[in-house]
Amino acid sequence: SGDGTFYADSVKGRFTISRDNAKNVVYLQMNRLTPEDTAVYY
């Protein structure tokens, strides 16, 4: 439903997950990125 979210400690406060079920899309907004965030995201 989008009402519940969870974040790993490493990204808490910087990343935001959201979804738009009508558009069939989920987002991950990533702010204040650091080199430690470099990765392939799935």
PDB file of all heavy atoms in Angstrom:
ATOM      1  N   SER A   1       0.808  -1.216   0.000  1.00  0.00           N
ATOM      2  CA  SER A   1       0.000   0.000   0.000  1.00  0.00           C
ATOM      3  C   SER A   1       0.842   1.268   0.000  1.00  0.00           C
ATOM      4  O   SER A   1       0.328   2.346  -0.307  1.00  0.00           O
ATOM      5  CB  SER A   1      -0.932   0.018   1.204  1.00  0.00           C
ATOM      6  OG  SER A   1      -0.200   0.140   2.407  1.00  0.00           O
ATOM      7  N   GLY A   2       2.114   1.151   0.363  1.00  0.00           N
ATOM      8  CA  GLY A   2       2.970   2.307   0.494  1.00  0.00           C
ATOM      9  C   GLY A   2       2.983   2.917   1.876  1.00  0.00           C
ATOM     10  O   GLY A   2       3.727   3.875   2.116  1.00  0.00           O
ATOM     11  N   ASP A   3       2.195   2.383   2.790  1.00  0.00           N
ATOM     12  CA  ASP A   3       2.103   2.942   4.138  1.00  0.00           C
ATOM     13  C   ASP A   3       3.298   2.603   5.020  1.00  0.00           C
ATOM     14  O   ASP A   3       3.591   3.330   5.971  1.00  0.00           O
ATOM     15  CB  ASP A   3       0.829   2.449   4.825  1.00  0.00           C
ATOM     16  CG  ASP A   3      -0.423   3.006   4.190  1.00  0.00           C
ATOM     17  OD1 ASP A   3      -0.351   4.071   3.545  1.00  0.00           O
ATOM     18  OD2 ASP A   3      -1.495   2.377   4.342  1.00  0.00           O
ATOM     19  N   GLY A   4       3.982   1.505   4.733  1.00  0.00           N
ATOM     20  CA  GLY A   4       5.113   1.083   5.526  1.00  0.00           C
ATOM     21  C   GLY A   4       6.404   1.120   4.733  1.00  0.00           C
ATOM     22  O   GLY A   4       6.446   0.690   3.576  1.00  0.00           O
ATOM     23  N   THR A   5       7.467   1.644   5.346  1.00  0.00           N
ATOM     24  CA  THR A   5       8.779   1.704   4.699  1.00  0.00           C
ATOM     25  C   THR A   5       9.856   1.297   5.686  1.00  0.00           C
ATOM     26  O   THR A   5       9.703   1.453   6.898  1.00  0.00           O
ATOM     27  CB  THR A   5       9.091   3.106   4.155  1.00  0.00           C
ATOM     28  OG1 THR A   5       9.041   4.058   5.230  1.00  0.00           O
ATOM     29  CG2 THR A   5       8.087   3.510   3.087  1.00  0.00           C
ATOM     30  N   PHE A   6      10.955   0.793   5.156  1.00  0.00           N
ATOM     31  CA  PHE A   6      12.107   0.411   5.952  1.00  0.00           C
ATOM     32  C   PHE A   6      13.370   0.869   5.239  1.00  0.00           C
ATOM     33  O   PHE A   6      13.449   0.813   4.005  1.00  0.00           O
ATOM     34  CB  PHE A   6      12.153  -1.109   6.161  1.00  0.00           C
ATOM     35  CG  PHE A   6      13.433  -1.574   6.805  1.00  0.00           C
ATOM     36  CD1 PHE A   6      13.587  -1.543   8.176  1.00  0.00           C
ATOM     37  CD2 PHE A   6      14.490  -2.028   6.029  1.00  0.00           C
ATOM     38  CE1 PHE A   6      14.766  -1.947   8.769  1.00  0.00           C
ATOM     39  CE2 PHE A   6      15.674  -2.440   6.607  1.00  0.00           C
ATOM     40  CZ  PHE A   6      15.811  -2.400   7.989  1.00  0.00           C
ATOM     41  N   TYR A   7      14.364   1.303   6.024  1.00  0.00           N
ATOM     42  CA  TYR A   7      15.637   1.729   5.472  1.00  0.00           C
ATOM     43  C   TYR A   7      16.788   1.123   6.266  1.00  0.00           C
ATOM     44  O   TYR A   7      16.736   1.062   7.501  1.00  0.00           O
ATOM     45  CB  TYR A   7      15.773   3.248   5.506  1.00  0.00           C
ATOM     46  CG  TYR A   7      14.692   3.968   4.742  1.00  0.00           C
ATOM     47  CD1 TYR A   7      13.547   4.420   5.385  1.00  0.00           C
ATOM     48  CD2 TYR A   7      14.819   4.184   3.372  1.00  0.00           C
ATOM     49  CE1 TYR A   7      12.550   5.070   4.682  1.00  0.00           C
ATOM     50  CE2 TYR A   7      13.827   4.834   2.663  1.00  0.00           C
ATOM     51  CZ  TYR A   7      12.697   5.273   3.321  1.00  0.00           C
ATOM     52  OH  TYR A   7      11.709   5.923   2.618  1.00  0.00           O
ATOM     53  N   ALA A   8      17.805   0.688   5.549  1.00  0.00           N
ATOM     54  CA  ALA A   8      19.030   0.273   6.214  1.00  0.00           C
ATOM     55  C   ALA A   8      19.680   1.474   6.897  1.00  0.00           C
ATOM     56  O   ALA A   8      19.527   2.619   6.451  1.00  0.00           O
ATOM     57  CB  ALA A   8      20.000  -0.340   5.204  1.00  0.00           C
ATOM     58  N   ASP A   9      20.405   1.214   7.981  1.00  0.00           N
ATOM     59  CA  ASP A   9      21.040   2.300   8.716  1.00  0.00           C
ATOM     60  C   ASP A   9      21.975   3.125   7.835  1.00  0.00           C
ATOM     61  O   ASP A   9      22.120   4.335   8.034  1.00  0.00           O
ATOM     62  CB  ASP A   9      21.818   1.748   9.908  1.00  0.00           C
ATOM     63  CG  ASP A   9      20.918   1.252  11.017  1.00  0.00           C
ATOM     64  OD1 ASP A   9      19.733   1.631  11.048  1.00  0.00           O
ATOM     65  OD2 ASP A   9      21.407   0.488  11.873  1.00  0.00           O
ATOM     66  N   SER A  10      22.588   2.486   6.859  1.00  0.00           N
ATOM     67  CA  SER A  10      23.554   3.170   6.019  1.00  0.00           C
ATOM     68  C   SER A  10      22.936   4.244   5.129  1.00  0.00           C
ATOM     69  O   SER A  10      23.645   5.136   4.660  1.00  0.00           O
ATOM     70  CB  SER A  10      24.312   2.157   5.156  1.00  0.00           C
ATOM     71  OG  SER A  10      23.419   1.409   4.357  1.00  0.00           O
ATOM     72  N   VAL A  11      21.628   4.161   4.892  1.00  0.00           N
ATOM     73  CA  VAL A  11      20.970   5.122   4.008  1.00  0.00           C
ATOM     74  C   VAL A  11      19.865   5.901   4.698  1.00  0.00           C
ATOM     75  O   VAL A  11      19.304   6.829   4.091  1.00  0.00           O
ATOM     76  CB  VAL A  11      20.401   4.429   2.753  1.00  0.00           C
ATOM     77  CG1 VAL A  11      21.477   3.620   2.047  1.00  0.00           C
ATOM     78  CG2 VAL A  11      19.213   3.547   3.108  1.00  0.00           C
ATOM     79  N   LYS A  12      19.552   5.574   5.927  1.00  0.00           N
ATOM     80  CA  LYS A  12      18.460   6.227   6.642  1.00  0.00           C
ATOM     81  C   LYS A  12      18.699   7.730   6.738  1.00  0.00           C
ATOM     82  O   LYS A  12      19.783   8.178   7.097  1.00  0.00           O
ATOM     83  CB  LYS A  12      18.313   5.613   8.030  1.00  0.00           C
ATOM     84  CG  LYS A  12      17.054   6.026   8.778  1.00  0.00           C
ATOM     85  CD  LYS A  12      16.946   5.274  10.105  1.00  0.00           C
ATOM     86  CE  LYS A  12      16.891   3.774   9.887  1.00  0.00           C
ATOM     87  NZ  LYS A  12      16.754   3.034  11.170  1.00  0.00           N
ATOM     88  N   GLY A  13      17.673   8.490   6.409  1.00  0.00           N
ATOM     89  CA  GLY A  13      17.768   9.939   6.425  1.00  0.00           C
ATOM     90  C   GLY A  13      18.230  10.539   5.123  1.00  0.00           C
ATOM     91  O   GLY A  13      18.115  11.760   4.934  1.00  0.00           O
ATOM     92  N   ARG A  14      18.757   9.717   4.217  1.00  0.00           N
ATOM     93  CA  ARG A  14      19.233  10.202   2.928  1.00  0.00           C
ATOM     94  C   ARG A  14      18.411   9.674   1.763  1.00  0.00           C
ATOM     95  O   ARG A  14      18.255  10.358   0.752  1.00  0.00           O
ATOM     96  CB  ARG A  14      20.697   9.816   2.711  1.00  0.00           C
ATOM     97  CG  ARG A  14      21.648  10.395   3.752  1.00  0.00           C
ATOM     98  CD  ARG A  14      23.101  10.125   3.379  1.00  0.00           C
ATOM     99  NE  ARG A  14      23.401   8.691   3.336  1.00  0.00           N
ATOM    100  CZ  ARG A  14      23.806   8.041   2.238  1.00  0.00           C
ATOM    101  NH1 ARG A  14      23.962   8.691   1.093  1.00  0.00           N
ATOM    102  NH2 ARG A  14      24.063   6.743   2.297  1.00  0.00           N
ATOM    103  N   PHE A  15      17.897   8.450   1.879  1.00  0.00           N
ATOM    104  CA  PHE A  15      17.135   7.819   0.812  1.00  0.00           C
ATOM    105  C   PHE A  15      15.657   7.795   1.180  1.00  0.00           C
ATOM    106  O   PHE A  15      15.299   7.659   2.355  1.00  0.00           O
ATOM    107  CB  PHE A  15      17.598   6.375   0.579  1.00  0.00           C
ATOM    108  CG  PHE A  15      18.957   6.237  -0.053  1.00  0.00           C
ATOM    109  CD1 PHE A  15      19.834   7.309  -0.162  1.00  0.00           C
ATOM    110  CD2 PHE A  15      19.361   5.005  -0.544  1.00  0.00           C
ATOM    111  CE1 PHE A  15      21.081   7.168  -0.740  1.00  0.00           C
ATOM    112  CE2 PHE A  15      20.605   4.847  -1.123  1.00  0.00           C
ATOM    113  CZ  PHE A  15      21.467   5.926  -1.222  1.00  0.00           C
ATOM    114  N   THR A  16      14.796   7.876   0.169  1.00  0.00           N
ATOM    115  CA  THR A  16      13.362   7.792   0.364  1.00  0.00           C
ATOM    116  C   THR A  16      12.759   6.881  -0.692  1.00  0.00           C
ATOM    117  O   THR A  16      12.958   7.100  -1.892  1.00  0.00           O
ATOM    118  CB  THR A  16      12.691   9.172   0.281  1.00  0.00           C
ATOM    119  OG1 THR A  16      13.266  10.053   1.250  1.00  0.00           O
ATOM    120  CG2 THR A  16      11.192   9.050   0.547  1.00  0.00           C
ATOM    121  N   ILE A  17      12.035   5.866  -0.248  1.00  0.00           N
ATOM    122  CA  ILE A  17      11.346   4.967  -1.163  1.00  0.00           C
ATOM    123  C   ILE A  17       9.879   5.377  -1.250  1.00  0.00           C
ATOM    124  O   ILE A  17       9.276   5.793  -0.260  1.00  0.00           O
ATOM    125  CB  ILE A  17      11.493   3.495  -0.711  1.00  0.00           C
ATOM    126  CG1 ILE A  17      10.980   2.534  -1.780  1.00  0.00           C
ATOM    127  CG2 ILE A  17      10.788   3.252   0.622  1.00  0.00           C
ATOM    128  CD1 ILE A  17      11.305   1.063  -1.480  1.00  0.00           C
ATOM    129  N   SER A  18       9.311   5.272  -2.434  1.00  0.00           N
ATOM    130  CA  SER A  18       7.907   5.605  -2.627  1.00  0.00           C
ATOM    131  C   SER A  18       7.362   4.782  -3.780  1.00  0.00           C
ATOM    132  O   SER A  18       8.123   4.184  -4.543  1.00  0.00           O
ATOM    133  CB  SER A  18       7.714   7.110  -2.887  1.00  0.00           C
ATOM    134  OG  SER A  18       8.380   7.506  -4.070  1.00  0.00           O
ATOM    135  N   ARG A  19       6.047   4.759  -3.909  1.00  0.00           N
ATOM    136  CA  ARG A  19       5.452   4.004  -5.004  1.00  0.00           C
ATOM    137  C   ARG A  19       4.206   4.699  -5.510  1.00  0.00           C
ATOM    138  O   ARG A  19       3.498   5.385  -4.765  1.00  0.00           O
ATOM    139  CB  ARG A  19       5.146   2.562  -4.579  1.00  0.00           C
ATOM    140  CG  ARG A  19       4.065   2.413  -3.517  1.00  0.00           C
ATOM    141  CD  ARG A  19       4.043   0.981  -2.969  1.00  0.00           C
ATOM    142  NE  ARG A  19       3.804  -0.007  -4.013  1.00  0.00           N
ATOM    143  CZ  ARG A  19       4.068  -1.304  -3.896  1.00  0.00           C
ATOM    144  NH1 ARG A  19       4.604  -1.779  -2.770  1.00  0.00           N
ATOM    145  NH2 ARG A  19       3.810  -2.133  -4.907  1.00  0.00           N
ATOM    146  N   ASP A  20       3.939   4.495  -6.785  1.00  0.00           N
ATOM    147  CA  ASP A  20       2.738   4.975  -7.431  1.00  0.00           C
ATOM    148  C   ASP A  20       2.110   3.759  -8.101  1.00  0.00           C
ATOM    149  O   ASP A  20       2.461   3.410  -9.227  1.00  0.00           O
ATOM    150  CB  ASP A  20       3.053   6.073  -8.442  1.00  0.00           C
ATOM    151  CG  ASP A  20       1.807   6.726  -9.011  1.00  0.00           C
ATOM    152  OD1 ASP A  20       0.721   6.120  -8.951  1.00  0.00           O
ATOM    153  OD2 ASP A  20       1.921   7.854  -9.530  1.00  0.00           O
ATOM    154  N   ASN A  21       1.208   3.108  -7.384  1.00  0.00           N
ATOM    155  CA  ASN A  21       0.624   1.877  -7.901  1.00  0.00           C
ATOM    156  C   ASN A  21      -0.185   2.104  -9.175  1.00  0.00           C
ATOM    157  O   ASN A  21      -0.262   1.223 -10.028  1.00  0.00           O
ATOM    158  CB  ASN A  21      -0.249   1.222  -6.829  1.00  0.00           C
ATOM    159  CG  ASN A  21       0.563   0.559  -5.737  1.00  0.00           C
ATOM    160  OD1 ASN A  21       1.751   0.280  -5.907  1.00  0.00           O
ATOM    161  ND2 ASN A  21      -0.067   0.305  -4.601  1.00  0.00           N
ATOM    162  N   ALA A  22      -0.783   3.279  -9.310  1.00  0.00           N
ATOM    163  CA  ALA A  22      -1.547   3.577 -10.515  1.00  0.00           C
ATOM    164  C   ALA A  22      -0.662   3.587 -11.746  1.00  0.00           C
ATOM    165  O   ALA A  22      -1.105   3.242 -12.847  1.00  0.00           O
ATOM    166  CB  ALA A  22      -2.275   4.907 -10.364  1.00  0.00           C
ATOM    167  N   LYS A  23       0.600   3.995 -11.584  1.00  0.00           N
ATOM    168  CA  LYS A  23       1.551   4.019 -12.684  1.00  0.00           C
ATOM    169  C   LYS A  23       2.433   2.778 -12.732  1.00  0.00           C
ATOM    170  O   LYS A  23       3.266   2.650 -13.632  1.00  0.00           O
ATOM    171  CB  LYS A  23       2.430   5.263 -12.597  1.00  0.00           C
ATOM    172  CG  LYS A  23       1.672   6.569 -12.755  1.00  0.00           C
ATOM    173  CD  LYS A  23       2.614   7.761 -12.680  1.00  0.00           C
ATOM    174  CE  LYS A  23       1.856   9.060 -12.873  1.00  0.00           C
ATOM    175  NZ  LYS A  23       2.758  10.238 -12.799  1.00  0.00           N
ATOM    176  N   ASN A  24       2.280   1.894 -11.746  1.00  0.00           N
ATOM    177  CA  ASN A  24       3.047   0.654 -11.699  1.00  0.00           C
ATOM    178  C   ASN A  24       4.551   0.923 -11.591  1.00  0.00           C
ATOM    179  O   ASN A  24       5.369   0.251 -12.218  1.00  0.00           O
ATOM    180  CB  ASN A  24       2.756  -0.216 -12.926  1.00  0.00           C
ATOM    181  CG  ASN A  24       2.498  -1.668 -12.570  1.00  0.00           C
ATOM    182  OD1 ASN A  24       2.125  -2.002 -11.445  1.00  0.00           O
ATOM    183  ND2 ASN A  24       2.694  -2.552 -13.545  1.00  0.00           N
ATOM    184  N   VAL A  25       4.909   1.897 -10.760  1.00  0.00           N
ATOM    185  CA  VAL A  25       6.292   2.328 -10.622  1.00  0.00           C
ATOM    186  C   VAL A  25       6.630   2.518  -9.146  1.00  0.00           C
ATOM    187  O   VAL A  25       5.806   3.001  -8.363  1.00  0.00           O
ATOM    188  CB  VAL A  25       6.556   3.638 -11.384  1.00  0.00           C
ATOM    189  CG1 VAL A  25       7.978   4.126 -11.160  1.00  0.00           C
ATOM    190  CG2 VAL A  25       6.308   3.452 -12.873  1.00  0.00           C
ATOM    191  N   VAL A  26       7.852   2.146  -8.779  1.00  0.00           N
ATOM    192  CA  VAL A  26       8.412   2.404  -7.460  1.00  0.00           C
ATOM    193  C   VAL A  26       9.675   3.233  -7.636  1.00  0.00           C
ATOM    194  O   VAL A  26      10.444   3.017  -8.580  1.00  0.00           O
ATOM    195  CB  VAL A  26       8.720   1.094  -6.711  1.00  0.00           C
ATOM    196  CG1 VAL A  26       9.447   1.376  -5.400  1.00  0.00           C
ATOM    197  CG2 VAL A  26       7.428   0.337  -6.432  1.00  0.00           C
ATOM    198  N   TYR A  27       9.897   4.179  -6.723  1.00  0.00           N
ATOM    199  CA  TYR A  27      11.024   5.090  -6.816  1.00  0.00           C
ATOM    200  C   TYR A  27      11.951   4.944  -5.620  1.00  0.00           C
ATOM    201  O   TYR A  27      11.543   4.547  -4.530  1.00  0.00           O
ATOM    202  CB  TYR A  27      10.549   6.541  -6.877  1.00  0.00           C
ATOM    203  CG  TYR A  27       9.592   6.837  -8.000  1.00  0.00           C
ATOM    204  CD1 TYR A  27       8.220   6.861  -7.778  1.00  0.00           C
ATOM    205  CD2 TYR A  27      10.058   7.099  -9.284  1.00  0.00           C
ATOM    206  CE1 TYR A  27       7.335   7.133  -8.801  1.00  0.00           C
ATOM    207  CE2 TYR A  27       9.182   7.374 -10.314  1.00  0.00           C
ATOM    208  CZ  TYR A  27       7.822   7.388 -10.074  1.00  0.00           C
ATOM    209  OH  TYR A  27       6.949   7.661 -11.097  1.00  0.00           O
ATOM    210  N   LEU A  28      13.207   5.301  -5.832  1.00  0.00           N
ATOM    211  CA  LEU A  28      14.161   5.456  -4.747  1.00  0.00           C
ATOM    212  C   LEU A  28      14.876   6.790  -4.948  1.00  0.00           C
ATOM    213  O   LEU A  28      15.716   6.920  -5.843  1.00  0.00           O
ATOM    214  CB  LEU A  28      15.172   4.310  -4.704  1.00  0.00           C
ATOM    215  CG  LEU A  28      16.144   4.347  -3.524  1.00  0.00           C
ATOM    216  CD1 LEU A  28      15.400   4.089  -2.215  1.00  0.00           C
ATOM    217  CD2 LEU A  28      17.266   3.334  -3.707  1.00  0.00           C
ATOM    218  N   GLN A  29      14.510   7.771  -4.135  1.00  0.00           N
ATOM    219  CA  GLN A  29      15.174   9.062  -4.155  1.00  0.00           C
ATOM    220  C   GLN A  29      16.409   8.985  -3.276  1.00  0.00           C
ATOM    221  O   GLN A  29      16.313   8.655  -2.091  1.00  0.00           O
ATOM    222  CB  GLN A  29      14.233  10.160  -3.656  1.00  0.00           C
ATOM    223  CG  GLN A  29      14.856  11.549  -3.592  1.00  0.00           C
ATOM    224  CD  GLN A  29      15.168  12.114  -4.953  1.00  0.00           C
ATOM    225  OE1 GLN A  29      14.353  12.024  -5.861  1.00  0.00           O
ATOM    226  NE2 GLN A  29      16.354  12.694  -5.104  1.00  0.00           N
ATOM    227  N   MET A  30      17.566   9.303  -3.827  1.00  0.00           N
ATOM    228  CA  MET A  30      18.835   9.198  -3.127  1.00  0.00           C
ATOM    229  C   MET A  30      19.461  10.587  -3.049  1.00  0.00           C
ATOM    230  O   MET A  30      19.790  11.186  -4.075  1.00  0.00           O
ATOM    231  CB  MET A  30      19.772   8.230  -3.836  1.00  0.00           C
ATOM    232  CG  MET A  30      19.165   6.851  -4.073  1.00  0.00           C
ATOM    233  SD  MET A  30      20.341   5.667  -4.772  1.00  0.00           S
ATOM    234  CE  MET A  30      20.682   6.453  -6.352  1.00  0.00           C
ATOM    235  N   ASN A  31      19.631  11.081  -1.830  1.00  0.00           N
ATOM    236  CA  ASN A  31      20.198  12.401  -1.590  1.00  0.00           C
ATOM    237  C   ASN A  31      21.500  12.293  -0.816  1.00  0.00           C
ATOM    238  O   ASN A  31      21.762  11.292  -0.143  1.00  0.00           O
ATOM    239  CB  ASN A  31      19.215  13.277  -0.816  1.00  0.00           C
ATOM    240  CG  ASN A  31      17.924  13.532  -1.560  1.00  0.00           C
ATOM    241  OD1 ASN A  31      17.910  13.638  -2.783  1.00  0.00           O
ATOM    242  ND2 ASN A  31      16.827  13.661  -0.819  1.00  0.00           N
ATOM    243  N   ARG A  32      22.302  13.341  -0.894  1.00  0.00           N
ATOM    244  CA  ARG A  32      23.581  13.422  -0.182  1.00  0.00           C
ATOM    245  C   ARG A  32      24.408  12.159  -0.392  1.00  0.00           C
ATOM    246  O   ARG A  32      24.887  11.539   0.554  1.00  0.00           O
ATOM    247  CB  ARG A  32      23.347  13.698   1.305  1.00  0.00           C
ATOM    248  CG  ARG A  32      22.597  15.014   1.566  1.00  0.00           C
ATOM    249  CD  ARG A  32      22.560  15.398   3.034  1.00  0.00           C
ATOM    250  NE  ARG A  32      21.932  14.391   3.874  1.00  0.00           N
ATOM    251  CZ  ARG A  32      20.635  14.227   4.015  1.00  0.00           C
ATOM    252  NH1 ARG A  32      19.791  15.011   3.364  1.00  0.00           N
ATOM    253  NH2 ARG A  32      20.167  13.286   4.821  1.00  0.00           N
ATOM    254  N   LEU A  33      24.577  11.820  -1.647  1.00  0.00           N
ATOM    255  CA  LEU A  33      25.283  10.599  -2.004  1.00  0.00           C
ATOM    256  C   LEU A  33      26.769  10.702  -1.676  1.00  0.00           C
ATOM    257  O   LEU A  33      27.368  11.780  -1.758  1.00  0.00           O
ATOM    258  CB  LEU A  33      25.097  10.302  -3.485  1.00  0.00           C
ATOM    259  CG  LEU A  33      23.698   9.813  -3.868  1.00  0.00           C
ATOM    260  CD1 LEU A  33      23.469   9.961  -5.362  1.00  0.00           C
ATOM    261  CD2 LEU A  33      23.516   8.357  -3.437  1.00  0.00           C
ATOM    262  N   THR A  34      27.350   9.568  -1.304  1.00  0.00           N
ATOM    263  CA  THR A  34      28.770   9.458  -1.006  1.00  0.00           C
ATOM    264  C   THR A  34      29.369   8.364  -1.872  1.00  0.00           C
ATOM    265  O   THR A  34      28.650   7.531  -2.438  1.00  0.00           O
ATOM    266  CB  THR A  34      29.015   9.126   0.470  1.00  0.00           C
ATOM    267  OG1 THR A  34      28.745   7.741   0.713  1.00  0.00           O
ATOM    268  CG2 THR A  34      28.132   9.979   1.372  1.00  0.00           C
ATOM    269  N   PRO A  35      30.707   8.320  -1.997  1.00  0.00           N
ATOM    270  CA  PRO A  35      31.323   7.237  -2.765  1.00  0.00           C
ATOM    271  C   PRO A  35      30.961   5.843  -2.267  1.00  0.00           C
ATOM    272  O   PRO A  35      30.979   4.892  -3.051  1.00  0.00           O
ATOM    273  CB  PRO A  35      32.824   7.518  -2.613  1.00  0.00           C
ATOM    274  CG  PRO A  35      32.901   8.993  -2.438  1.00  0.00           C
ATOM    275  CD  PRO A  35      31.693   9.352  -1.620  1.00  0.00           C
ATOM    276  N   GLU A  36      30.625   5.704  -0.984  1.00  0.00           N
ATOM    277  CA  GLU A  36      30.226   4.410  -0.442  1.00  0.00           C
ATOM    278  C   GLU A  36      28.894   3.924  -0.993  1.00  0.00           C
ATOM    279  O   GLU A  36      28.552   2.753  -0.832  1.00  0.00           O
ATOM    280  CB  GLU A  36      30.162   4.466   1.088  1.00  0.00           C
ATOM    281  CG  GLU A  36      31.491   4.820   1.764  1.00  0.00           C
ATOM    282  CD  GLU A  36      32.588   3.845   1.415  1.00  0.00           C
ATOM    283  OE1 GLU A  36      32.329   2.616   1.482  1.00  0.00           O
ATOM    284  OE2 GLU A  36      33.702   4.287   1.082  1.00  0.00           O
ATOM    285  N   ASP A  37      28.142   4.803  -1.636  1.00  0.00           N
ATOM    286  CA  ASP A  37      26.878   4.414  -2.258  1.00  0.00           C
ATOM    287  C   ASP A  37      27.065   3.842  -3.657  1.00  0.00           C
ATOM    288  O   ASP A  37      26.089   3.396  -4.267  1.00  0.00           O
ATOM    289  CB  ASP A  37      25.927   5.618  -2.329  1.00  0.00           C
ATOM    290  CG  ASP A  37      25.527   6.127  -0.958  1.00  0.00           C
ATOM    291  OD1 ASP A  37      25.198   5.293  -0.089  1.00  0.00           O
ATOM    292  OD2 ASP A  37      25.546   7.362  -0.763  1.00  0.00           O
ATOM    293  N   THR A  38      28.277   3.865  -4.177  1.00  0.00           N
ATOM    294  CA  THR A  38      28.542   3.335  -5.509  1.00  0.00           C
ATOM    295  C   THR A  38      28.250   1.838  -5.549  1.00  0.00           C
ATOM    296  O   THR A  38      28.794   1.065  -4.757  1.00  0.00           O
ATOM    297  CB  THR A  38      29.995   3.594  -5.909  1.00  0.00           C
ATOM    298  OG1 THR A  38      30.221   5.005  -6.018  1.00  0.00           O
ATOM    299  CG2 THR A  38      30.313   2.947  -7.255  1.00  0.00           C
ATOM    300  N   ALA A  39      27.384   1.428  -6.471  1.00  0.00           N
ATOM    301  CA  ALA A  39      26.978   0.033  -6.569  1.00  0.00           C
ATOM    302  C   ALA A  39      26.024  -0.113  -7.742  1.00  0.00           C
ATOM    303  O   ALA A  39      25.561   0.878  -8.318  1.00  0.00           O
ATOM    304  CB  ALA A  39      26.286  -0.431  -5.281  1.00  0.00           C
ATOM    305  N   VAL A  40      25.724  -1.358  -8.084  1.00  0.00           N
ATOM    306  CA  VAL A  40      24.601  -1.653  -8.960  1.00  0.00           C
ATOM    307  C   VAL A  40      23.369  -1.791  -8.084  1.00  0.00           C
ATOM    308  O   VAL A  40      23.375  -2.549  -7.111  1.00  0.00           O
ATOM    309  CB  VAL A  40      24.831  -2.939  -9.778  1.00  0.00           C
ATOM    310  CG1 VAL A  40      23.601  -3.254 -10.627  1.00  0.00           C
ATOM    311  CG2 VAL A  40      26.058  -2.790 -10.664  1.00  0.00           C
ATOM    312  N   TYR A  41      22.329  -1.058  -8.420  1.00  0.00           N
ATOM    313  CA  TYR A  41      21.098  -1.057  -7.634  1.00  0.00           C
ATOM    314  C   TYR A  41      20.027  -1.879  -8.339  1.00  0.00           C
ATOM    315  O   TYR A  41      19.789  -1.720  -9.537  1.00  0.00           O
ATOM    316  CB  TYR A  41      20.603   0.371  -7.420  1.00  0.00           C
ATOM    317  CG  TYR A  41      21.385   1.116  -6.366  1.00  0.00           C
ATOM    318  CD1 TYR A  41      22.682   1.535  -6.616  1.00  0.00           C
ATOM    319  CD2 TYR A  41      20.829   1.392  -5.118  1.00  0.00           C
ATOM    320  CE1 TYR A  41      23.418   2.202  -5.649  1.00  0.00           C
ATOM    321  CE2 TYR A  41      21.548   2.060  -4.150  1.00  0.00           C
ATOM    322  CZ  TYR A  41      22.842   2.470  -4.418  1.00  0.00           C
ATOM    323  OH  TYR A  41      23.561   3.137  -3.450  1.00  0.00           O
ATOM    324  N   TYR A  42      19.374  -2.746  -7.578  1.00  0.00           N
ATOM    325  CA  TYR A  42      18.342  -3.634  -8.091  1.00  0.00           C
ATOM    326  C   TYR A  42      17.030  -3.391  -7.355  1.00  0.00           C
ATOM    327  O   TYR A  42      17.027  -3.164  -6.148  1.00  0.00           O
ATOM    328  CB  TYR A  42      18.723  -5.105  -7.882  1.00  0.00           C
ATOM    329  CG  TYR A  42      20.024  -5.530  -8.519  1.00  0.00           C
ATOM    330  CD1 TYR A  42      21.229  -5.396  -7.844  1.00  0.00           C
ATOM    331  CD2 TYR A  42      20.043  -6.085  -9.789  1.00  0.00           C
ATOM    332  CE1 TYR A  42      22.424  -5.797  -8.418  1.00  0.00           C
ATOM    333  CE2 TYR A  42      21.229  -6.492 -10.370  1.00  0.00           C
ATOM    334  CZ  TYR A  42      22.416  -6.345  -9.680  1.00  0.00           C
ATOM    335  OH  TYR A  42      23.597  -6.745 -10.252  1.00  0.00           O
TER     336      TYR A  42
END
